[in-house]
Amino acid sequence: PPPLGNDANPGTQTAPVATITHAMTRALQPGDIVNVLSGTYRGERIEFKASGMPGQPITLQTAPGASVT
């Protein structure tokens, strides 16, 4: 199934964005974490727009319990 969310949302747990591509444009600070919710993501261009720091990486990960394709 397609992921839930809308790229106009703020990107919170209760109002997620729809695409990984859009979420990555918001991961700009060291220590930021992008949790990918369950869904099938197609045509995504995953690119880190910023760098973390030692001990504070920017992390892209599957949300706990999520099934991501």
N, C-alpha and C. Protein backbone atom coordinates (compact mmCIF):
# COMPACT_ATOMS: atom_id res chain seq x y z
N PRO A 1 0.83 -1.21 0.00
CA PRO A 1 0.00 0.00 0.00
C PRO A 1 0.86 1.26 0.00
N PRO A 2 0.36 2.33 -0.55
CA PRO A 2 1.13 3.57 -0.51
C PRO A 2 1.22 4.10 0.91
N PRO A 3 2.26 4.85 1.19
CA PRO A 3 2.40 5.41 2.54
C PRO A 3 1.31 6.44 2.81
N LEU A 4 0.95 6.56 4.07
CA LEU A 4 0.00 7.59 4.47
C LEU A 4 0.77 8.89 4.67
N GLY A 5 0.10 9.99 4.56
CA GLY A 5 0.73 11.27 4.80
C GLY A 5 0.52 12.21 3.64
N ASN A 6 1.02 13.41 3.82
CA ASN A 6 0.90 14.46 2.83
C ASN A 6 2.13 15.34 2.98
N ASP A 7 2.78 15.66 1.88
CA ASP A 7 4.00 16.47 1.97
C ASP A 7 3.75 17.89 2.46
N ALA A 8 2.49 18.29 2.58
CA ALA A 8 2.16 19.59 3.17
C ALA A 8 2.10 19.52 4.70
N ASN A 9 2.10 18.30 5.23
CA ASN A 9 2.07 18.12 6.69
C ASN A 9 3.40 18.54 7.31
N PRO A 10 3.40 18.76 8.64
CA PRO A 10 4.64 19.18 9.31
C PRO A 10 5.67 18.07 9.50
N GLY A 11 5.30 16.83 9.24
CA GLY A 11 6.28 15.75 9.37
C GLY A 11 6.39 15.21 10.79
N THR A 12 5.32 15.29 11.53
CA THR A 12 5.30 14.75 12.89
C THR A 12 4.72 13.33 12.85
N GLN A 13 4.76 12.65 13.97
CA GLN A 13 4.23 11.30 14.04
C GLN A 13 2.73 11.29 13.74
N THR A 14 2.01 12.29 14.18
CA THR A 14 0.56 12.33 13.96
C THR A 14 0.18 12.97 12.63
N ALA A 15 1.10 13.70 12.01
CA ALA A 15 0.85 14.33 10.71
C ALA A 15 2.09 14.16 9.83
N PRO A 16 2.33 12.92 9.36
CA PRO A 16 3.56 12.65 8.60
C PRO A 16 3.51 13.18 7.18
N VAL A 17 4.70 13.37 6.62
CA VAL A 17 4.80 13.68 5.19
C VAL A 17 4.62 12.37 4.43
N ALA A 18 4.43 12.45 3.12
CA ALA A 18 4.13 11.27 2.31
C ALA A 18 5.37 10.62 1.70
N THR A 19 6.41 11.40 1.46
CA THR A 19 7.56 10.86 0.74
C THR A 19 8.85 10.97 1.54
N ILE A 20 9.72 10.00 1.33
CA ILE A 20 11.05 10.04 1.95
C ILE A 20 11.82 11.22 1.38
N THR A 21 11.68 11.46 0.08
CA THR A 21 12.37 12.57 -0.56
C THR A 21 12.08 13.88 0.17
N HIS A 22 10.81 14.14 0.46
CA HIS A 22 10.44 15.38 1.15
C HIS A 22 10.95 15.38 2.59
N ALA A 23 10.83 14.26 3.26
CA ALA A 23 11.30 14.18 4.65
C ALA A 23 12.78 14.52 4.74
N MET A 24 13.55 14.08 3.75
CA MET A 24 14.99 14.33 3.78
C MET A 24 15.34 15.81 3.60
N THR A 25 14.44 16.59 3.00
CA THR A 25 14.71 18.03 2.88
C THR A 25 14.58 18.72 4.23
N ARG A 26 13.95 18.04 5.20
CA ARG A 26 13.76 18.62 6.53
C ARG A 26 14.80 18.14 7.54
N ALA A 27 15.56 17.14 7.18
CA ALA A 27 16.59 16.59 8.08
C ALA A 27 17.87 17.40 7.90
N LEU A 28 17.96 18.52 8.58
CA LEU A 28 19.04 19.46 8.35
C LEU A 28 19.96 19.68 9.54
N GLN A 29 19.56 19.20 10.71
CA GLN A 29 20.34 19.46 11.91
C GLN A 29 21.02 18.18 12.40
N PRO A 30 22.25 18.27 12.90
CA PRO A 30 22.88 17.10 13.49
C PRO A 30 21.94 16.48 14.53
N GLY A 31 21.80 15.17 14.49
CA GLY A 31 20.95 14.46 15.42
C GLY A 31 19.53 14.24 14.91
N ASP A 32 19.16 14.86 13.78
CA ASP A 32 17.83 14.63 13.23
C ASP A 32 17.66 13.17 12.85
N ILE A 33 16.44 12.66 13.04
CA ILE A 33 16.11 11.28 12.69
C ILE A 33 14.88 11.29 11.81
N VAL A 34 14.96 10.62 10.66
CA VAL A 34 13.81 10.43 9.78
C VAL A 34 13.35 8.99 9.95
N ASN A 35 12.14 8.81 10.50
CA ASN A 35 11.55 7.49 10.67
C ASN A 35 10.61 7.24 9.50
N VAL A 36 10.87 6.18 8.74
CA VAL A 36 10.05 5.85 7.58
C VAL A 36 8.93 4.91 8.03
N LEU A 37 7.69 5.33 7.80
CA LEU A 37 6.53 4.54 8.19
C LEU A 37 6.24 3.46 7.16
N SER A 38 5.39 2.53 7.51
CA SER A 38 5.04 1.43 6.62
C SER A 38 4.49 1.94 5.29
N GLY A 39 4.86 1.24 4.23
CA GLY A 39 4.34 1.57 2.91
C GLY A 39 5.31 1.14 1.83
N THR A 40 4.86 1.27 0.60
CA THR A 40 5.70 0.99 -0.57
C THR A 40 6.07 2.33 -1.18
N TYR A 41 7.34 2.61 -1.22
CA TYR A 41 7.85 3.88 -1.73
C TYR A 41 8.50 3.63 -3.09
N ARG A 42 8.04 4.32 -4.11
CA ARG A 42 8.58 4.16 -5.46
C ARG A 42 9.04 5.51 -5.98
N GLY A 43 10.10 5.48 -6.76
CA GLY A 43 10.58 6.70 -7.40
C GLY A 43 11.18 7.72 -6.45
N GLU A 44 11.60 7.27 -5.28
CA GLU A 44 12.17 8.19 -4.30
C GLU A 44 13.62 8.51 -4.66
N ARG A 45 13.99 9.75 -4.42
CA ARG A 45 15.39 10.16 -4.58
C ARG A 45 15.87 10.55 -3.19
N ILE A 46 16.55 9.60 -2.56
CA ILE A 46 16.98 9.80 -1.18
C ILE A 46 18.36 10.45 -1.19
N GLU A 47 18.40 11.66 -0.67
CA GLU A 47 19.64 12.43 -0.65
C GLU A 47 19.72 13.19 0.66
N PHE A 48 20.82 13.05 1.35
CA PHE A 48 21.05 13.82 2.57
C PHE A 48 21.43 15.24 2.17
N LYS A 49 20.67 16.21 2.63
CA LYS A 49 20.89 17.62 2.28
C LYS A 49 21.86 18.31 3.23
N ALA A 50 22.18 17.66 4.33
CA ALA A 50 23.07 18.24 5.33
C ALA A 50 23.88 17.12 5.95
N SER A 51 24.86 17.49 6.74
CA SER A 51 25.72 16.52 7.41
C SER A 51 25.49 16.58 8.91
N GLY A 52 25.68 15.44 9.53
CA GLY A 52 25.67 15.40 10.98
C GLY A 52 27.03 15.80 11.51
N MET A 53 27.24 15.48 12.77
CA MET A 53 28.52 15.74 13.41
C MET A 53 28.91 14.47 14.15
N PRO A 54 30.18 14.34 14.54
CA PRO A 54 30.56 13.16 15.32
C PRO A 54 29.64 12.99 16.53
N GLY A 55 29.07 11.81 16.66
CA GLY A 55 28.16 11.55 17.77
C GLY A 55 26.75 12.05 17.55
N GLN A 56 26.52 12.80 16.47
CA GLN A 56 25.19 13.33 16.14
C GLN A 56 24.91 13.17 14.65
N PRO A 57 24.80 11.93 14.17
CA PRO A 57 24.53 11.74 12.75
C PRO A 57 23.10 12.13 12.40
N ILE A 58 22.85 12.37 11.12
CA ILE A 58 21.49 12.47 10.62
C ILE A 58 21.14 11.04 10.20
N THR A 59 20.03 10.52 10.72
CA THR A 59 19.71 9.11 10.56
C THR A 59 18.43 8.94 9.77
N LEU A 60 18.47 8.01 8.80
CA LEU A 60 17.28 7.57 8.05
C LEU A 60 17.05 6.13 8.47
N GLN A 61 15.88 5.85 9.04
CA GLN A 61 15.64 4.49 9.55
C GLN A 61 14.17 4.11 9.39
N THR A 62 13.92 2.82 9.38
CA THR A 62 12.56 2.30 9.39
C THR A 62 11.99 2.51 10.79
N ALA A 63 10.78 3.04 10.86
CA ALA A 63 10.13 3.24 12.16
C ALA A 63 9.92 1.88 12.84
N PRO A 64 9.99 1.83 14.16
CA PRO A 64 9.78 0.57 14.86
C PRO A 64 8.47 -0.10 14.45
N GLY A 65 8.55 -1.36 14.06
CA GLY A 65 7.39 -2.13 13.67
C GLY A 65 6.89 -1.88 12.25
N ALA A 66 7.54 -0.98 11.52
CA ALA A 66 7.10 -0.66 10.16
C ALA A 66 7.59 -1.68 9.16
N SER A 67 6.84 -1.83 8.08
CA SER A 67 7.21 -2.69 6.96
C SER A 67 7.36 -1.78 5.75
N VAL A 68 8.60 -1.60 5.30
CA VAL A 68 8.91 -0.64 4.24
C VAL A 68 9.43 -1.38 3.01
N THR A 69 8.85 -1.04 1.86
CA THR A 69 9.32 -1.58 0.58
C THR A 69 9.70 -0.44 -0.31
